[in-house]
Amino acid sequence: MGREAGKLSLILLMTPFLLWIGLLIILPQLGIGYVSLREKISYDEFSFGLKNYVDFISEPVYRNTLFRTAWMSILVTILALIVGFPVAYYIAKIARQKSRAALFLMCLIPLWVSDLVRAYGWIVLLRETGVFSSTLVWLGIINTPIEMLYNDITVVMGLVYTVVLFMIVPLTSTLQGMDDALLEAGYNLGGSRFTVFRRIIVPYAMPGIVSGCIITFMLTAGSYLTPVLLGGKNSSWFTEQIYNQFITRYNWEAGATFGVTLLVFTSFVVWLGLKLTGQSLATTVAKD
């Protein structure tokens, strides 16, 4: 009787999760993959093949936009790691136990508003008549207002601000499990701060580093609002190409092809990163 109740409880708990995964993730991806293989012959007449993928590969603009998005996403991930690691280390190992929850809550505050509101916040700060430009003019540093929007630096800043939390969370979780005795032993054996950091802290935090990098890279590569709003027409972000194919040109076959290509390419980058770091999903994302 108890075993049957346990099975029923497991089914009730897993059913919403499986429905969510199946209906909102797997089924849409299968549909996008199916559409990407359609070749439009005439109105409402299709055949199946790889012509859409061949067209994508043969068009330099699309390839370059994909590579540019990947490179910018890697840069954002690296910067998010540089910014997020000290914050996570301070919360996990230096801050007092009572203040850790408050510090962690402060990191969560940006998530209380949508990406759209946060992006417009950057626009208010950085536009030609914005806060920064007006302040510089008032201080006499510059003579006329300058436009700080619509360039790669602004896009990178906005994206780092958007995703850095997703780097801090896994790093904090991992570093909290590190025994302080490991650090004390490193210092007692004559290790410098840099040596202890390189030989003890970084190897221990590596699962959190890789997990955070995977999350931030995938979120950055799939971002749309921040690159478009902060980068303007010069953003050249791959998700904008997908949007244009689906919505502007109403070319669902090309849009689906771009979507599948982005998913496959980013998954390959993640796989390559795991191989280079000697990690696996079992020791990063699925780490207890």
Protein backbone atom coordinates (compact mmCIF):
# COMPACT_ATOMS: atom_id res chain seq x y z
CA MET A 1 0.00 0.00 0.00
CA GLY A 2 2.83 2.36 0.93
CA ARG A 3 4.71 1.55 -2.28
CA GLU A 4 1.64 2.34 -4.40
CA ALA A 5 1.17 5.63 -2.54
CA GLY A 6 4.81 6.46 -3.23
CA LYS A 7 4.38 5.75 -6.95
CA LEU A 8 1.24 7.88 -7.06
CA SER A 9 3.04 10.75 -5.33
CA LEU A 10 5.92 10.48 -7.80
CA ILE A 11 3.52 10.54 -10.73
CA LEU A 12 1.68 13.57 -9.36
CA LEU A 13 4.95 15.40 -8.79
CA MET A 14 6.50 14.54 -12.15
CA THR A 15 3.45 15.05 -14.36
CA PRO A 16 3.52 18.91 -14.32
CA PHE A 17 7.26 18.87 -14.95
CA LEU A 18 7.02 16.40 -17.83
CA LEU A 19 4.11 18.33 -19.36
CA TRP A 20 6.10 21.56 -19.11
CA ILE A 21 9.18 19.99 -20.71
CA GLY A 22 7.19 18.19 -23.38
CA LEU A 23 4.67 20.87 -24.37
CA LEU A 24 6.80 24.01 -23.96
CA ILE A 25 10.29 22.80 -24.90
CA ILE A 26 10.49 19.50 -26.76
CA LEU A 27 7.33 19.82 -28.88
CA PRO A 28 8.08 23.40 -30.07
CA GLN A 29 11.67 22.43 -30.92
CA LEU A 30 10.43 19.47 -32.96
CA GLY A 31 7.99 21.78 -34.73
CA ILE A 32 10.73 24.30 -35.52
CA GLY A 33 12.95 21.51 -36.80
CA TYR A 34 10.14 20.24 -39.01
CA VAL A 35 9.48 23.70 -40.47
CA SER A 36 13.20 24.24 -41.12
CA LEU A 37 13.25 21.21 -43.41
CA ARG A 38 10.42 22.49 -45.59
CA GLU A 39 11.31 23.91 -48.99
CA LYS A 40 8.71 26.23 -50.44
CA ILE A 41 7.96 25.37 -54.06
CA SER A 42 4.92 27.56 -54.60
CA TYR A 43 2.01 28.91 -52.59
CA ASP A 44 1.05 26.33 -49.97
CA GLU A 45 3.23 23.69 -51.65
CA PHE A 46 6.34 22.36 -49.97
CA SER A 47 8.95 19.67 -50.27
CA PHE A 48 11.51 18.52 -47.72
CA GLY A 49 15.28 18.88 -47.82
CA LEU A 50 18.29 20.82 -46.54
CA LYS A 51 18.05 23.74 -48.95
CA ASN A 52 17.35 26.24 -46.16
CA TYR A 53 20.53 25.22 -44.35
CA VAL A 54 22.53 25.39 -47.59
CA ASP A 55 21.19 28.89 -48.20
CA PHE A 56 22.21 29.91 -44.68
CA ILE A 57 25.75 28.57 -45.05
CA SER A 58 26.18 30.19 -48.47
CA GLU A 59 25.16 33.66 -47.21
CA PRO A 60 28.13 35.45 -45.55
CA VAL A 61 25.93 38.00 -43.76
CA TYR A 62 24.10 35.32 -41.80
CA ARG A 63 27.29 33.40 -40.98
CA ASN A 64 29.11 36.51 -39.84
CA THR A 65 26.19 37.58 -37.68
CA LEU A 66 26.14 34.16 -36.00
CA PHE A 67 29.89 34.23 -35.34
CA ARG A 68 29.68 37.82 -34.10
CA THR A 69 26.89 36.88 -31.71
CA ALA A 70 28.90 33.91 -30.42
CA TRP A 71 32.03 36.02 -29.91
CA MET A 72 30.12 38.78 -28.13
CA SER A 73 28.34 36.19 -25.96
CA ILE A 74 31.68 34.67 -24.95
CA LEU A 75 33.01 38.14 -24.09
CA VAL A 76 29.92 38.89 -21.99
CA THR A 77 30.31 35.53 -20.22
CA ILE A 78 33.96 36.25 -19.39
CA LEU A 79 33.13 39.73 -18.07
CA ALA A 80 30.21 38.36 -16.05
CA LEU A 81 32.61 35.83 -14.49
CA ILE A 82 35.14 38.55 -13.64
CA VAL A 83 32.44 40.70 -12.06
CA GLY A 84 30.47 37.90 -10.44
CA PHE A 85 33.25 35.81 -8.88
CA PRO A 86 34.37 38.40 -6.28
CA VAL A 87 30.74 39.10 -5.37
CA ALA A 88 29.97 35.39 -4.98
CA TYR A 89 33.16 34.80 -2.95
CA TYR A 90 32.34 37.69 -0.64
CA ILE A 91 28.79 36.45 -0.05
CA ALA A 92 29.86 32.83 0.46
CA LYS A 93 33.09 33.14 2.47
CA ILE A 94 33.62 36.66 3.82
CA ALA A 95 30.21 38.13 4.71
CA ARG A 96 28.70 37.31 8.06
CA GLN A 97 26.08 34.60 8.16
CA LYS A 98 23.32 37.04 9.08
CA SER A 99 24.05 39.40 6.19
CA ARG A 100 24.35 36.78 3.43
CA ALA A 101 20.62 36.58 2.83
CA ALA A 102 20.35 40.37 2.53
CA LEU A 103 23.29 40.53 0.12
CA PHE A 104 21.82 37.75 -1.98
CA LEU A 105 18.47 39.55 -2.02
CA MET A 106 20.20 42.69 -3.29
CA CYS A 107 21.51 40.67 -6.22
CA LEU A 108 17.97 39.55 -7.00
CA ILE A 109 16.50 43.06 -7.12
CA PRO A 110 17.21 43.61 -10.87
CA LEU A 111 15.07 40.55 -11.64
CA TRP A 112 12.03 42.26 -10.11
CA VAL A 113 11.64 44.26 -13.33
CA SER A 114 11.52 43.00 -16.92
CA ASP A 115 14.35 43.12 -19.45
CA LEU A 116 12.46 45.84 -21.30
CA VAL A 117 12.37 48.16 -18.27
CA ARG A 118 16.05 47.52 -17.51
CA ALA A 119 17.03 48.25 -21.10
CA TYR A 120 15.09 51.52 -21.07
CA GLY A 121 16.84 52.36 -17.81
CA TRP A 122 20.17 52.15 -19.66
CA ILE A 123 18.71 54.30 -22.44
CA VAL A 124 17.74 56.99 -19.91
CA LEU A 125 21.27 56.96 -18.53
CA LEU A 126 23.25 56.82 -21.78
CA ARG A 127 21.28 58.67 -24.44
CA GLU A 128 22.50 62.04 -25.74
CA THR A 129 20.26 63.94 -23.33
CA GLY A 130 20.61 61.31 -20.61
CA VAL A 131 21.97 61.46 -17.09
CA PHE A 132 25.63 60.69 -17.86
CA SER A 133 25.98 63.02 -20.82
CA SER A 134 24.19 65.88 -19.05
CA THR A 135 26.36 65.41 -15.95
CA LEU A 136 29.57 65.53 -17.99
CA VAL A 137 28.42 68.74 -19.66
CA TRP A 138 27.47 70.25 -16.29
CA LEU A 139 30.90 69.38 -14.86
CA GLY A 140 32.60 70.97 -17.86
CA ILE A 141 34.31 67.73 -18.92
CA ILE A 142 32.71 67.91 -22.37
CA ASN A 143 31.32 70.89 -24.25
CA THR A 144 28.36 69.27 -26.01
CA PRO A 145 26.23 66.21 -25.18
CA ILE A 146 27.43 62.92 -26.65
CA GLU A 147 25.51 59.82 -27.66
CA MET A 148 26.65 56.80 -25.65
CA LEU A 149 24.11 54.38 -27.07
CA TYR A 150 24.13 52.21 -30.18
CA ASN A 151 27.62 50.70 -29.96
CA ASP A 152 29.12 47.38 -28.93
CA ILE A 153 30.38 48.65 -25.56
CA THR A 154 26.88 49.66 -24.52
CA VAL A 155 25.44 46.33 -25.65
CA VAL A 156 28.09 44.41 -23.69
CA MET A 157 27.47 46.52 -20.57
CA GLY A 158 23.74 45.96 -20.77
CA LEU A 159 24.10 42.22 -21.31
CA VAL A 160 26.60 41.80 -18.46
CA TYR A 161 24.23 43.66 -16.15
CA THR A 162 21.38 41.40 -17.29
CA VAL A 163 23.11 38.02 -16.87
CA VAL A 164 25.64 38.56 -14.07
CA LEU A 165 23.16 37.30 -11.46
CA PHE A 166 23.02 33.93 -13.22
CA MET A 167 26.78 33.74 -12.75
CA ILE A 168 26.67 34.73 -9.08
CA VAL A 169 24.04 32.17 -8.01
CA PRO A 170 25.87 28.93 -8.99
CA LEU A 171 29.22 30.34 -7.85
CA THR A 172 27.83 31.24 -4.43
CA SER A 173 26.20 27.82 -4.08
CA THR A 174 29.46 26.06 -4.95
CA LEU A 175 31.74 28.23 -2.80
CA GLN A 176 29.50 27.85 0.25
CA GLY A 177 30.34 24.14 0.25
CA MET A 178 34.09 24.76 0.47
CA ASP A 179 35.57 24.01 3.89
CA ASP A 180 37.53 26.94 5.32
CA ALA A 181 40.10 24.41 6.52
CA LEU A 182 41.23 24.01 2.91
CA LEU A 183 42.15 27.69 2.74
CA GLU A 184 43.85 27.62 6.13
CA ALA A 185 45.90 24.58 5.09
CA GLY A 186 46.99 26.36 1.92
CA TYR A 187 48.18 29.42 3.84
CA ASN A 188 49.84 27.29 6.54
CA LEU A 189 51.85 25.49 3.86
CA GLY A 190 53.28 28.81 2.72
CA GLY A 191 50.98 29.52 -0.18
CA SER A 192 50.41 33.11 -1.24
CA ARG A 193 46.94 34.50 -1.84
CA PHE A 194 47.33 34.04 -5.56
CA THR A 195 48.58 30.46 -5.12
CA VAL A 196 45.68 29.56 -2.82
CA PHE A 197 43.27 31.15 -5.28
CA ARG A 198 44.78 29.31 -8.25
CA ARG A 199 45.39 25.92 -6.64
CA ILE A 200 42.47 25.62 -4.20
CA ILE A 201 39.64 28.10 -4.79
CA VAL A 202 39.41 27.94 -8.58
CA PRO A 203 39.56 24.11 -8.87
CA TYR A 204 36.92 23.76 -6.15
CA ALA A 205 34.69 26.40 -7.75
CA MET A 206 35.14 25.02 -11.27
CA PRO A 207 31.73 23.26 -11.38
CA GLY A 208 30.06 26.53 -10.40
CA ILE A 209 32.17 28.47 -12.90
CA VAL A 210 31.27 26.16 -15.76
CA SER A 211 27.61 26.04 -14.74
CA GLY A 212 27.44 29.84 -14.55
CA CYS A 213 29.22 30.20 -17.88
CA ILE A 214 26.79 27.82 -19.58
CA ILE A 215 23.76 29.69 -18.28
CA THR A 216 25.09 33.17 -19.04
CA PHE A 217 26.35 32.20 -22.50
CA MET A 218 23.05 30.63 -23.54
CA LEU A 219 21.02 33.55 -22.15
CA THR A 220 23.26 36.09 -23.87
CA ALA A 221 23.25 34.33 -27.24
CA GLY A 222 19.46 34.06 -27.10
CA SER A 223 18.90 37.65 -25.94
CA TYR A 224 16.87 39.96 -28.16
CA LEU A 225 15.63 43.07 -26.37
CA THR A 226 18.92 44.30 -24.89
CA PRO A 227 21.03 44.10 -28.10
CA VAL A 228 18.28 45.64 -30.23
CA LEU A 229 17.41 48.49 -27.85
CA LEU A 230 20.96 49.36 -26.81
CA GLY A 231 22.67 48.54 -30.10
CA GLY A 232 20.06 49.91 -32.47
CA LYS A 233 20.42 49.14 -36.16
CA ASN A 234 24.12 48.39 -35.61
CA SER A 235 23.54 45.58 -33.13
CA SER A 236 23.85 42.78 -35.73
CA TRP A 237 22.55 40.21 -33.24
CA PHE A 238 21.52 36.82 -34.56
CA THR A 239 18.19 36.77 -32.73
CA GLU A 240 17.29 39.93 -34.64
CA GLN A 241 17.82 37.99 -37.87
CA ILE A 242 15.46 35.31 -36.58
CA TYR A 243 12.86 37.95 -35.69
CA ASN A 244 13.15 39.55 -39.13
CA GLN A 245 12.63 36.23 -40.90
CA PHE A 246 9.59 35.27 -38.82
CA ILE A 247 7.86 38.62 -38.37
CA THR A 248 9.12 41.07 -41.00
CA ARG A 249 9.56 38.77 -43.98
CA TYR A 250 7.11 36.11 -42.82
CA ASN A 251 9.60 33.48 -43.97
CA TRP A 252 8.98 30.80 -41.37
CA GLU A 253 11.21 28.26 -43.08
CA ALA A 254 14.26 30.54 -42.93
CA GLY A 255 13.39 31.69 -39.40
CA ALA A 256 13.10 28.10 -38.20
CA THR A 257 16.41 27.28 -39.88
CA PHE A 258 18.10 30.17 -38.10
CA GLY A 259 16.58 29.09 -34.78
CA VAL A 260 17.79 25.50 -35.12
CA THR A 261 21.21 26.71 -36.26
CA LEU A 262 21.54 28.97 -33.21
CA LEU A 263 20.54 26.13 -30.88
CA VAL A 264 22.97 23.66 -32.46
CA PHE A 265 25.83 26.16 -32.61
CA THR A 266 25.48 27.33 -29.00
CA SER A 267 25.15 23.72 -27.84
CA PHE A 268 28.39 22.93 -29.67
CA VAL A 269 30.14 25.85 -27.96
CA VAL A 270 28.91 24.60 -24.57
CA TRP A 271 30.09 21.06 -25.38
CA LEU A 272 33.49 22.40 -26.45
CA GLY A 273 33.76 24.42 -23.24
CA LEU A 274 33.00 21.34 -21.16
CA LYS A 275 35.66 19.35 -22.98
CA LEU A 276 38.30 22.06 -22.59
CA THR A 277 37.64 22.40 -18.86
CA GLY A 278 37.37 18.66 -18.24
CA GLN A 279 33.89 19.07 -16.76
CA SER A 280 30.59 17.40 -17.55
CA LEU A 281 26.94 18.29 -17.06
CA ALA A 282 26.80 15.72 -14.25
CA THR A 283 29.38 17.72 -12.25
CA THR A 284 28.13 21.21 -13.11
CA VAL A 285 24.43 21.74 -13.78
CA ALA A 286 23.42 18.59 -11.93
CA LYS A 287 25.82 19.11 -9.02
CA ASP A 288 24.22 18.64 -5.62
